[in-house]
């Protein structure tokens, strides 16, 4: 039994962790408990040294010292302030009036507002709940199909998962050791392509099932002409300016993601004050919710650090690497298996848990196979987006159920989500087939041809070694004698070529 444990410690730890989470044990504590218990077992069996847990305090303090994670509370606070200050309500009302004459106009409005909220809030729960409260009763009142109405609201809310400033992209960049700015730039085009696919689906529904998505009646379109244009400008300009303030400064390299988040939070407060909707009650609610979400993330990350300390100590990363890098088909086989695995795990785990548990195991294997980690991170983010839409455990479906009227059955919400899950799967395939959607515009590694490099050294009469003490000189012609004619420039170039990565 002891020999079996020693030979299979890594798969046993992984299976134990999965079992804990399947029975509903809190993820942060399941990870930490597995790390500590199996660490002690490994020390007892002689697999690990007793100094293993001496590294634990440094790893935990490393979480607290990570500046990248500061962006999470900033963006969360910004989103909550905007959501509670009524921005979503104003946007839905205005864009609903704009698209009202079209079949499916309210659905188009929900999608575009979902994209705008995603680019300003980055919080799925805030988007789904606010649009569920505001737009769902209106859509039902004007005869929209229940499944279509609930599906489009849940799917549009999940755009906050992939459109920057998404929280999951911050965590993905941290776990893969990449720049948050590059991850945001890589996700920008896929996020809006996915928005376009949602719009395309509504267009098809409006053509083939017009009774599911009727146009607004004339009496419901209270704004027309100049009044409508003025309302569109005054409602859309502030959030668009905020988007530029946050994402524009990050993409232009003026601000780091953390600084962009801080500016966004400040901008959200100013917008709420300008609308005269900022109060102490709203501020307190936003701060409490931000503190809860940030604490949730940090606890999971601390648990993941404890787990990974033991898992890596027993060479678990090598076990995962051999398991996945040996798959038939090379990169393609790895990507197929990885995406199926993440898709299935998303039935039971949310994106935070997947990011902290699965991504650190998959990232090194992808890097070894020569896969661009920014592209790989965006691909996983699109895949994890389905975790919010999976019946029966999708969080977006739960958020919508909590605010939907009693006339909406849970089965309506589930059936409404399925077409959009299929669209998200199509998006995964598109990212794999057209990686340029992600890599376009990213900084490329500079390749230097060392054969064309010239180094000019200052003239000097003597590059020889200092004189040896008397009695220690090597006889002339022996191996120990210095090369009198050695060229220092050539020696430097030879050294650089040896150090250059292959």
Protein backbone atom coordinates (compact mmCIF):
# COMPACT_ATOMS: atom_id res chain seq x y z
CA UNK A 1 0.00 0.00 0.00
CA UNK A 2 2.84 2.37 0.86
CA UNK A 3 4.55 1.70 -2.47
CA UNK A 4 1.27 2.31 -4.33
CA UNK A 5 0.83 5.67 -2.57
CA UNK A 6 4.38 6.74 -3.34
CA UNK A 7 4.06 5.77 -7.03
CA UNK A 8 0.65 7.40 -7.54
CA UNK A 9 0.62 10.35 -5.14
CA UNK A 10 -0.11 12.97 -7.84
CA UNK A 11 -3.22 11.31 -9.35
CA UNK A 12 -4.50 10.48 -5.85
CA UNK A 13 -4.23 14.14 -4.79
CA UNK A 14 -6.02 15.29 -7.95
CA UNK A 15 -8.80 12.70 -7.60
CA UNK A 16 -9.27 13.63 -3.92
CA UNK A 17 -9.59 17.31 -4.79
CA UNK A 18 -12.21 16.56 -7.48
CA UNK A 19 -14.17 14.36 -5.05
CA UNK A 20 -14.23 17.09 -2.38
CA UNK A 21 -15.64 19.61 -4.85
CA UNK A 22 -18.23 17.22 -6.28
CA UNK A 23 -19.73 16.68 -2.81
CA UNK A 24 -20.12 20.45 -2.45
CA UNK A 25 -17.25 21.25 -0.06
CA UNK A 26 -16.17 24.93 -0.38
CA UNK A 27 -13.48 25.12 -3.05
CA UNK A 28 -10.98 27.26 -1.13
CA UNK A 29 -11.04 24.93 1.89
CA UNK A 30 -11.04 21.78 -0.28
CA UNK A 31 -7.86 22.95 -2.02
CA UNK A 32 -6.11 23.98 1.20
CA UNK A 33 -7.12 20.80 3.09
CA UNK A 34 -5.86 18.55 0.30
CA UNK A 35 -2.59 20.45 0.15
CA UNK A 36 -1.96 20.23 3.90
CA UNK A 37 -3.11 16.62 4.44
CA UNK A 38 -1.26 15.15 1.47
CA UNK A 39 1.76 17.30 2.28
CA UNK A 40 1.93 15.68 5.73
CA UNK A 41 1.42 12.23 4.17
CA UNK A 42 4.23 12.93 1.68
CA UNK A 43 6.57 13.98 4.49
CA UNK A 44 5.70 10.82 6.42
CA UNK A 45 6.39 8.63 3.36
CA UNK A 46 9.68 10.40 2.65
CA UNK A 47 8.48 11.87 -0.66
CA UNK A 48 8.75 15.43 0.63
CA UNK A 49 11.10 17.15 3.02
CA UNK A 50 9.83 18.68 6.27
CA UNK A 51 10.97 22.07 4.97
CA UNK A 52 8.10 21.98 2.44
CA UNK A 53 5.72 24.02 4.59
CA UNK A 54 8.43 26.56 5.37
CA UNK A 55 7.83 27.89 1.85
CA UNK A 56 4.10 28.29 2.49
CA UNK A 57 4.16 31.74 4.21
CA UNK A 58 6.14 33.22 1.31
CA UNK A 59 3.66 31.81 -1.22
CA UNK A 60 0.67 33.23 0.68
CA UNK A 61 2.31 36.64 1.13
CA UNK A 62 3.08 36.53 -2.59
CA UNK A 63 -0.68 36.54 -3.22
CA UNK A 64 -1.12 39.64 -1.09
CA UNK A 65 1.81 41.40 -2.78
CA UNK A 66 0.49 40.76 -6.30
CA UNK A 67 -0.28 44.19 -7.79
CA UNK A 68 -2.18 42.67 -10.73
CA UNK A 69 -4.94 41.39 -8.45
CA UNK A 70 -5.61 44.96 -7.24
CA UNK A 71 -7.50 45.49 -10.49
CA UNK A 72 -10.24 43.07 -9.33
CA UNK A 73 -11.70 45.24 -6.53
CA UNK A 74 -11.36 48.39 -8.67
CA UNK A 75 -13.29 46.96 -11.64
CA UNK A 76 -15.86 45.27 -9.38
CA UNK A 77 -16.52 48.52 -7.51
CA UNK A 78 -16.79 50.44 -10.80
CA UNK A 79 -19.33 47.96 -12.15
CA UNK A 80 -21.46 47.96 -9.04
CA UNK A 81 -21.59 51.76 -8.85
CA UNK A 82 -22.64 51.99 -12.50
CA UNK A 83 -25.23 49.24 -12.16
CA UNK A 84 -26.79 50.77 -9.04
CA UNK A 85 -26.72 54.32 -10.42
CA UNK A 86 -29.26 53.40 -13.12
CA UNK A 87 -26.98 53.44 -16.17
CA UNK A 88 -28.33 50.09 -17.42
CA UNK A 89 -31.92 51.34 -17.16
CA UNK A 90 -31.17 54.50 -19.14
CA UNK A 91 -29.24 52.57 -21.81
CA UNK A 92 -31.98 49.95 -22.25
CA UNK A 93 -34.70 52.55 -22.49
CA UNK A 94 -32.78 54.66 -25.03
CA UNK A 95 -31.52 51.84 -27.26
CA UNK A 96 -34.90 50.12 -27.02
CA UNK A 97 -36.50 53.28 -28.46
CA UNK A 98 -33.82 53.40 -31.17
CA UNK A 99 -34.36 49.80 -32.34
CA UNK A 100 -38.06 49.69 -31.48
CA UNK A 101 -39.38 49.84 -35.08
CA UNK A 102 -37.43 46.68 -35.98
CA UNK A 103 -38.56 43.11 -35.34
CA UNK A 104 -36.42 41.87 -32.47
CA UNK A 105 -35.53 45.46 -31.60
CA UNK A 106 -35.74 44.92 -27.84
CA UNK A 107 -33.50 41.84 -28.16
CA UNK A 108 -30.97 43.89 -30.16
CA UNK A 109 -31.10 46.54 -27.44
CA UNK A 110 -30.43 43.93 -24.74
CA UNK A 111 -27.41 42.59 -26.65
CA UNK A 112 -25.88 46.03 -27.28
CA UNK A 113 -26.50 47.15 -23.71
CA UNK A 114 -24.99 43.86 -22.51
CA UNK A 115 -21.86 44.60 -24.55
CA UNK A 116 -21.67 48.17 -23.20
CA UNK A 117 -22.17 46.99 -19.62
CA UNK A 118 -19.52 44.33 -20.17
CA UNK A 119 -17.05 46.98 -21.34
CA UNK A 120 -17.80 49.19 -18.33
CA UNK A 121 -18.62 46.82 -15.47
CA UNK A 122 -16.96 43.45 -16.15
CA UNK A 123 -19.35 41.79 -13.65
CA UNK A 124 -21.74 39.11 -14.97
CA UNK A 125 -24.12 39.14 -12.00
CA UNK A 126 -24.64 42.91 -12.24
CA UNK A 127 -25.39 42.74 -15.98
CA UNK A 128 -27.80 39.77 -15.83
CA UNK A 129 -29.73 40.99 -12.78
CA UNK A 130 -30.09 44.59 -13.97
CA UNK A 131 -31.25 43.58 -17.48
CA UNK A 132 -33.50 40.86 -16.06
CA UNK A 133 -35.24 43.38 -13.80
CA UNK A 134 -35.57 46.09 -16.44
CA UNK A 135 -35.99 44.45 -19.86
CA UNK A 136 -37.63 41.07 -19.16
CA UNK A 137 -41.04 42.50 -18.07
CA UNK A 138 -41.05 44.84 -21.10
CA UNK A 139 -40.19 42.02 -23.53
CA UNK A 140 -42.94 39.82 -22.10
CA UNK A 141 -45.44 42.69 -22.20
CA UNK A 142 -44.91 43.19 -25.95
CA UNK A 143 -45.23 39.50 -26.83
CA UNK A 144 -41.66 38.16 -26.95
CA UNK A 145 -41.23 34.40 -26.66
CA UNK A 146 -40.29 33.50 -23.08
CA UNK A 147 -37.38 31.26 -24.10
CA UNK A 148 -35.92 33.85 -26.47
CA UNK A 149 -36.29 36.68 -23.95
CA UNK A 150 -34.62 34.79 -21.07
CA UNK A 151 -31.90 33.33 -23.31
CA UNK A 152 -30.84 36.65 -24.81
CA UNK A 153 -30.72 38.35 -21.37
CA UNK A 154 -28.60 35.58 -19.80
CA UNK A 155 -26.26 35.37 -22.82
CA UNK A 156 -25.78 39.14 -23.09
CA UNK A 157 -24.93 39.30 -19.40
CA UNK A 158 -22.16 36.74 -19.86
CA UNK A 159 -20.40 39.01 -22.38
CA UNK A 160 -18.84 40.58 -19.27
CA UNK A 161 -16.80 37.36 -19.10
CA UNK A 162 -14.90 37.94 -22.35
CA UNK A 163 -15.13 41.66 -23.22
CA UNK A 164 -12.47 43.70 -21.34
CA UNK A 165 -12.28 44.69 -18.50
CA UNK A 166 -13.28 41.13 -17.61
CA UNK A 167 -12.27 39.85 -14.18
CA UNK A 168 -11.55 36.38 -15.55
CA UNK A 169 -9.00 37.81 -18.00
CA UNK A 170 -7.14 39.45 -15.11
CA UNK A 171 -6.94 36.12 -13.30
CA UNK A 172 -6.07 34.26 -16.51
CA UNK A 173 -3.16 36.63 -17.19
CA UNK A 174 -1.92 36.23 -13.62
CA UNK A 175 -2.08 32.41 -13.76
CA UNK A 176 -0.35 32.22 -17.15
CA UNK A 177 2.29 34.80 -16.23
CA UNK A 178 1.28 37.18 -19.03
CA UNK A 179 0.41 40.87 -19.26
CA UNK A 180 -3.18 41.83 -18.46
CA UNK A 181 -3.00 44.49 -21.19
CA UNK A 182 -2.06 41.85 -23.79
CA UNK A 183 -4.85 39.57 -22.56
CA UNK A 184 -7.34 42.44 -22.89
CA UNK A 185 -6.08 43.30 -26.39
CA UNK A 186 -6.31 39.64 -27.42
CA UNK A 187 -9.89 39.27 -26.16
CA UNK A 188 -11.18 42.51 -27.71
CA UNK A 189 -12.00 41.20 -31.22
CA UNK A 190 -13.39 37.77 -30.10
CA UNK A 191 -15.67 39.54 -27.61
CA UNK A 192 -17.30 41.67 -30.27
CA UNK A 193 -17.39 38.83 -32.81
CA UNK A 194 -19.39 36.86 -30.24
CA UNK A 195 -21.70 39.88 -29.84
CA UNK A 196 -22.16 39.86 -33.62
CA UNK A 197 -23.07 36.15 -33.55
CA UNK A 198 -25.75 36.85 -30.96
CA UNK A 199 -27.13 39.63 -33.17
CA UNK A 200 -27.08 37.28 -36.16
CA UNK A 201 -29.11 34.71 -34.25
CA UNK A 202 -31.76 37.33 -33.37
CA UNK A 203 -31.89 38.40 -37.05
CA UNK A 204 -32.57 34.77 -38.06
CA UNK A 205 -35.27 34.45 -35.39
CA UNK A 206 -36.89 37.71 -36.56
CA UNK A 207 -36.93 36.41 -40.14
CA UNK A 208 -38.11 32.84 -39.56
CA UNK A 209 -40.10 33.26 -36.33
CA UNK A 210 -41.35 36.88 -36.43
CA UNK A 211 -44.04 36.18 -33.81
CA UNK A 212 -41.27 35.42 -31.27
CA UNK A 213 -39.73 38.90 -31.58
CA UNK A 214 -42.27 41.55 -32.61
CA UNK A 215 -41.51 45.22 -33.15
CA UNK A 216 -42.59 47.77 -30.57
CA UNK A 217 -46.06 49.21 -31.29
CA UNK A 218 -46.19 52.85 -32.33
CA UNK A 219 -47.65 54.05 -29.01
CA UNK A 220 -44.66 52.55 -27.11
CA UNK A 221 -42.14 54.59 -29.13
CA UNK A 222 -42.40 57.88 -27.29
CA UNK A 223 -39.14 59.39 -28.57
CA UNK A 224 -38.63 60.28 -32.24
CA UNK A 225 -36.46 62.45 -34.44
CA UNK A 226 -34.28 65.08 -32.78
CA UNK A 227 -35.37 64.15 -29.25
CA UNK A 228 -34.32 60.55 -29.83
CA UNK A 229 -30.92 61.54 -31.26
CA UNK A 230 -30.30 63.94 -28.35
CA UNK A 231 -31.24 61.22 -25.88
CA UNK A 232 -28.92 58.72 -27.59
CA UNK A 233 -26.01 61.15 -27.44
CA UNK A 234 -26.49 62.14 -23.80
CA UNK A 235 -26.97 58.52 -22.71
CA UNK A 236 -24.23 56.85 -24.75
CA UNK A 237 -21.40 59.40 -24.56
CA UNK A 238 -20.62 59.09 -20.80
CA UNK A 239 -20.24 55.27 -20.77
CA UNK A 240 -18.28 55.35 -24.05
CA UNK A 241 -15.96 57.98 -22.56
CA UNK A 242 -15.54 55.78 -19.49
CA UNK A 243 -14.68 52.81 -21.72
CA UNK A 244 -11.97 54.88 -23.39
CA UNK A 245 -10.74 56.15 -20.04
CA UNK A 246 -10.26 52.57 -18.83
CA UNK A 247 -9.44 50.44 -21.89
CA UNK A 248 -8.00 53.16 -24.11
CA UNK A 249 -5.37 54.16 -21.58
CA UNK A 250 -4.46 50.49 -21.01
CA UNK A 251 -4.17 49.70 -24.74
CA UNK A 252 -2.16 52.87 -25.41
CA UNK A 253 0.25 51.98 -22.61
CA UNK A 254 -0.54 55.13 -20.63
CA UNK A 255 -1.88 53.23 -17.61
CA UNK A 256 -1.47 49.76 -16.13
CA UNK A 257 -4.65 47.66 -15.67
CA UNK A 258 -4.61 48.48 -11.95
CA UNK A 259 -4.35 52.21 -12.68
CA UNK A 260 -7.05 51.86 -15.35
CA UNK A 261 -9.32 50.19 -12.80
CA UNK A 262 -8.71 53.00 -10.33
CA UNK A 263 -9.56 55.61 -12.98
CA UNK A 264 -12.66 53.64 -13.92
CA UNK A 265 -13.84 53.50 -10.31
CA UNK A 266 -13.30 57.25 -9.99
CA UNK A 267 -15.12 57.86 -13.30
CA UNK A 268 -18.06 55.73 -12.15
CA UNK A 269 -18.36 57.78 -8.94
CA UNK A 270 -18.30 61.02 -10.97
CA UNK A 271 -21.00 59.69 -13.35
CA UNK A 272 -23.18 58.64 -10.42
CA UNK A 273 -22.74 62.07 -8.82
CA UNK A 274 -23.58 63.80 -12.11
CA UNK A 275 -26.83 61.80 -12.29
CA UNK A 276 -27.51 62.73 -8.63
CA UNK A 277 -27.83 59.03 -7.76
CA UNK A 278 -24.83 58.63 -5.48
CA UNK A 279 -25.82 58.10 -1.85
CA UNK A 280 -24.21 56.71 1.27
CA UNK A 281 -26.47 53.64 1.05
CA UNK A 282 -25.42 52.92 -2.55
CA UNK A 283 -21.75 53.46 -1.66
CA UNK A 284 -21.98 51.13 1.33
CA UNK A 285 -23.67 48.37 -0.71
CA UNK A 286 -21.08 48.61 -3.47
CA UNK A 287 -18.16 48.52 -1.02
CA UNK A 288 -19.58 45.53 0.88
CA UNK A 289 -20.19 43.53 -2.30
CA UNK A 290 -16.72 44.41 -3.60
CA UNK A 291 -15.14 43.28 -0.33
CA UNK A 292 -17.05 39.97 -0.44
CA UNK A 293 -16.09 39.18 -4.03
CA UNK A 294 -12.45 40.16 -3.52
CA UNK A 295 -12.23 38.05 -0.35
CA UNK A 296 -13.78 35.14 -2.24
CA UNK A 297 -11.12 35.40 -4.96
CA UNK A 298 -8.22 35.75 -2.50
CA UNK A 299 -9.37 32.75 -0.41
CA UNK A 300 -9.55 30.55 -3.50
CA UNK A 301 -6.12 31.77 -4.60
CA UNK A 302 -4.61 31.06 -1.18
CA UNK A 303 -6.15 27.57 -1.20
CA UNK A 304 -4.80 27.01 -4.72
CA UNK A 305 -1.30 28.05 -3.59
CA UNK A 306 -1.40 25.56 -0.69
CA UNK A 307 -2.63 22.80 -3.02
CA UNK A 308 -0.07 23.54 -5.74
CA UNK A 309 2.79 23.56 -3.21
CA UNK A 310 2.16 19.89 -2.40
CA UNK A 311 1.05 18.92 -5.91
CA UNK A 312 4.20 20.33 -7.49
CA UNK A 313 6.28 18.86 -4.66
CA UNK A 314 5.23 15.33 -5.67
CA UNK A 315 5.86 16.18 -9.36
CA UNK A 316 2.16 16.44 -10.13
CA UNK A 317 2.87 18.99 -12.87
CA UNK A 318 5.10 16.44 -14.60
CA UNK A 319 2.31 13.85 -14.34
CA UNK A 320 -0.15 16.27 -15.99
CA UNK A 321 2.45 17.22 -18.59
CA UNK A 322 3.15 13.60 -19.56
CA UNK A 323 -0.60 12.89 -19.57
CA UNK A 324 -1.46 15.75 -21.94
CA UNK A 325 1.68 16.17 -24.05
CA UNK A 326 1.57 12.49 -25.01
CA UNK A 327 -1.89 12.80 -26.60
CA UNK A 328 -2.14 11.83 -30.29
CA UNK A 329 -2.35 14.78 -32.66
CA UNK A 330 0.13 17.09 -30.92
CA UNK A 331 -1.25 20.62 -30.49
CA UNK A 332 -4.60 19.79 -32.09
CA UNK A 333 -5.15 16.75 -29.87
CA UNK A 334 -4.18 18.76 -26.78
CA UNK A 335 -6.58 21.60 -27.69
CA UNK A 336 -9.49 19.21 -28.36
CA UNK A 337 -9.04 17.32 -25.08
CA UNK A 338 -8.43 20.52 -23.10
CA UNK A 339 -11.54 22.27 -24.40
CA UNK A 340 -13.74 19.22 -23.84
CA UNK A 341 -12.35 18.92 -20.29
CA UNK A 342 -12.97 22.60 -19.47
CA UNK A 343 -16.44 22.45 -21.06
CA UNK A 344 -17.41 19.46 -18.89
CA UNK A 345 -15.86 20.89 -15.71
CA UNK A 346 -17.82 24.11 -16.31
CA UNK A 347 -21.00 22.16 -15.50
CA UNK A 348 -19.85 22.02 -11.87
CA UNK A 349 -17.25 24.79 -11.35
CA UNK A 350 -17.39 28.52 -12.02
CA UNK A 351 -14.70 30.45 -13.86
CA UNK A 352 -12.79 31.49 -10.71
CA UNK A 353 -12.38 27.88 -9.63
CA UNK A 354 -11.44 26.73 -13.14
CA UNK A 355 -8.90 29.56 -13.44
CA UNK A 356 -7.14 28.74 -10.18
CA UNK A 357 -7.25 24.93 -10.44
CA UNK A 358 -7.10 23.93 -14.11
CA UNK A 359 -5.25 26.78 -15.86
CA UNK A 360 -1.98 26.46 -13.84
CA UNK A 361 -1.86 22.78 -14.85
CA UNK A 362 -2.65 23.34 -18.54
CA UNK A 363 -0.52 26.47 -19.11
CA UNK A 364 2.96 24.86 -18.85
CA UNK A 365 1.91 22.01 -21.18
CA UNK A 366 0.57 24.50 -23.75
CA UNK A 367 3.80 26.50 -23.51
CA UNK A 368 5.90 23.36 -24.04
CA UNK A 369 3.84 22.46 -27.12
CA UNK A 370 4.60 25.90 -28.59
CA UNK A 371 1.07 27.36 -28.14
CA UNK A 372 0.85 31.13 -27.64
CA UNK A 373 -0.30 31.60 -24.05
CA UNK A 374 -2.27 34.80 -24.73
CA UNK A 375 -4.26 33.01 -27.44
CA UNK A 376 -4.64 29.96 -25.19
CA UNK A 377 -5.89 32.13 -22.31
CA UNK A 378 -8.50 33.88 -24.48
CA UNK A 379 -9.62 30.50 -25.87
CA UNK A 380 -10.11 29.14 -22.34
CA UNK A 381 -11.94 32.34 -21.33
CA UNK A 382 -14.42 31.89 -24.21
CA UNK A 383 -14.85 28.26 -23.17
CA UNK A 384 -15.33 29.15 -19.50
CA UNK A 385 -18.00 31.62 -20.54
CA UNK A 386 -20.24 28.60 -21.10
CA UNK A 387 -19.95 27.86 -17.36
CA UNK A 388 -22.48 30.69 -16.81
CA UNK A 389 -24.95 29.26 -19.35
CA UNK A 390 -24.86 25.49 -18.75
CA UNK A 391 -28.18 24.04 -17.65
CA UNK A 392 -28.71 23.11 -14.88
CA UNK A 393 -25.85 24.78 -12.96
CA UNK A 394 -25.18 27.99 -14.93
CA UNK A 395 -24.79 30.97 -12.63
CA UNK A 396 -26.34 33.39 -15.13
CA UNK A 397 -29.44 31.17 -15.19
CA UNK A 398 -29.62 31.30 -11.39
CA UNK A 399 -29.20 35.10 -11.39
CA UNK A 400 -32.02 35.43 -13.94
CA UNK A 401 -34.26 32.99 -12.07
CA UNK A 402 -33.90 35.12 -8.93
CA UNK A 403 -35.40 38.19 -10.63
CA UNK A 404 -37.73 36.59 -13.24
CA UNK A 405 -41.50 36.86 -12.64
CA UNK A 406 -43.44 33.71 -11.59
CA UNK A 407 -44.85 33.33 -15.11
CA UNK A 408 -41.37 32.33 -16.30
CA UNK A 409 -40.66 28.65 -15.62
CA UNK A 410 -37.17 27.39 -14.89
CA UNK A 411 -37.43 25.13 -17.94
CA UNK A 412 -38.06 28.24 -20.10
CA UNK A 413 -34.76 29.70 -18.89
CA UNK A 414 -32.90 26.43 -19.53
CA UNK A 415 -34.30 25.93 -23.04
CA UNK A 416 -33.65 29.57 -23.87
CA UNK A 417 -29.98 29.20 -22.91
CA UNK A 418 -29.23 26.21 -25.17
CA UNK A 419 -29.03 28.10 -28.55
CA UNK A 420 -26.61 30.58 -27.00
CA UNK A 421 -24.44 27.80 -25.55
CA UNK A 422 -24.26 26.42 -29.11
CA UNK A 423 -23.21 29.87 -30.37
CA UNK A 424 -20.47 29.99 -27.72
CA UNK A 425 -19.21 26.57 -28.89
CA UNK A 426 -19.12 27.92 -32.46
CA UNK A 427 -17.07 30.84 -31.14
CA UNK A 428 -14.57 28.43 -29.57
CA UNK A 429 -14.16 26.75 -32.97
CA UNK A 430 -13.68 30.14 -34.67
CA UNK A 431 -10.93 31.16 -32.23
CA UNK A 432 -9.14 27.85 -32.93
CA UNK A 433 -9.56 28.18 -36.71
CA UNK A 434 -8.63 31.89 -36.87
CA UNK A 435 -6.04 32.61 -34.15
CA UNK A 436 -5.35 35.99 -35.81
CA UNK A 437 -8.51 37.27 -34.08
CA UNK A 438 -6.53 37.13 -30.84
CA UNK A 439 -2.93 37.65 -31.94
CA UNK A 440 -3.65 40.58 -34.28
CA UNK A 441 -2.09 43.74 -32.89
CA UNK A 442 -0.17 42.06 -30.09
CA UNK A 443 3.51 42.90 -29.70
CA UNK A 444 5.71 40.36 -31.42
CA UNK A 445 8.96 39.08 -29.97
CA UNK A 446 11.90 40.88 -31.54
CA UNK A 447 14.24 38.46 -33.31
CA UNK A 448 17.85 39.63 -33.40
CA UNK A 449 20.33 38.21 -35.93
CA UNK A 450 23.47 38.01 -33.85
CA UNK A 451 25.61 37.47 -36.97
CA UNK A 452 24.83 41.05 -38.01
CA UNK A 453 25.63 42.57 -34.59
CA UNK A 454 28.86 44.53 -34.28
CA UNK A 455 30.39 45.41 -30.93
CA UNK A 456 33.02 48.12 -30.83
CA UNK A 457 35.34 47.74 -27.86
CA UNK A 458 37.55 50.65 -26.74
CA UNK A 459 41.11 50.34 -27.93
CA UNK A 460 43.52 48.89 -25.41
CA UNK A 461 47.05 47.60 -25.53
CA UNK A 462 46.60 44.57 -23.36
CA UNK A 463 43.58 42.29 -22.87
CA UNK A 464 45.62 39.54 -21.28
CA UNK A 465 44.95 38.17 -17.84
CA UNK A 466 46.73 39.75 -14.84
CA UNK A 467 50.20 38.33 -14.10
CA UNK A 468 50.30 35.15 -12.07
CA UNK A 469 52.19 35.11 -8.78
CA UNK A 470 55.79 33.98 -9.01
CA UNK A 471 56.16 30.25 -9.22
CA UNK A 472 52.64 29.56 -10.51
CA UNK A 473 53.20 30.40 -14.18
CA UNK A 474 52.36 27.68 -16.72
CA UNK A 475 55.18 26.59 -18.97
CA UNK A 476 55.00 28.04 -22.47
CA UNK A 477 52.98 25.94 -24.89
CA UNK A 478 51.00 24.10 -22.22
CA UNK A 479 47.21 23.99 -21.94
CA UNK A 480 47.25 26.43 -19.03
CA UNK A 481 48.86 29.25 -20.99
CA UNK A 482 46.53 32.12 -21.96
CA UNK A 483 45.78 32.60 -25.64
CA UNK A 484 47.78 35.69 -26.47
CA UNK A 485 45.90 36.43 -29.65
CA UNK A 486 42.34 35.80 -28.36
CA UNK A 487 39.83 38.33 -29.75
CA UNK A 488 37.56 39.69 -26.95
CA UNK A 489 34.83 40.72 -29.47
CA UNK A 490 34.70 37.18 -30.82
CA UNK A 491 34.46 35.77 -27.30
CA UNK A 492 31.48 38.02 -26.48
CA UNK A 493 29.66 37.12 -29.71
CA UNK A 494 30.24 33.40 -29.14
CA UNK A 495 28.82 33.72 -25.64
CA UNK A 496 25.71 35.58 -26.88
CA UNK A 497 25.06 32.93 -29.53
CA UNK A 498 25.30 30.19 -26.92
CA UNK A 499 22.77 32.03 -24.71
CA UNK A 500 20.34 32.79 -27.54
CA UNK A 501 17.20 30.59 -27.25
CA UNK A 502 16.84 28.07 -30.01
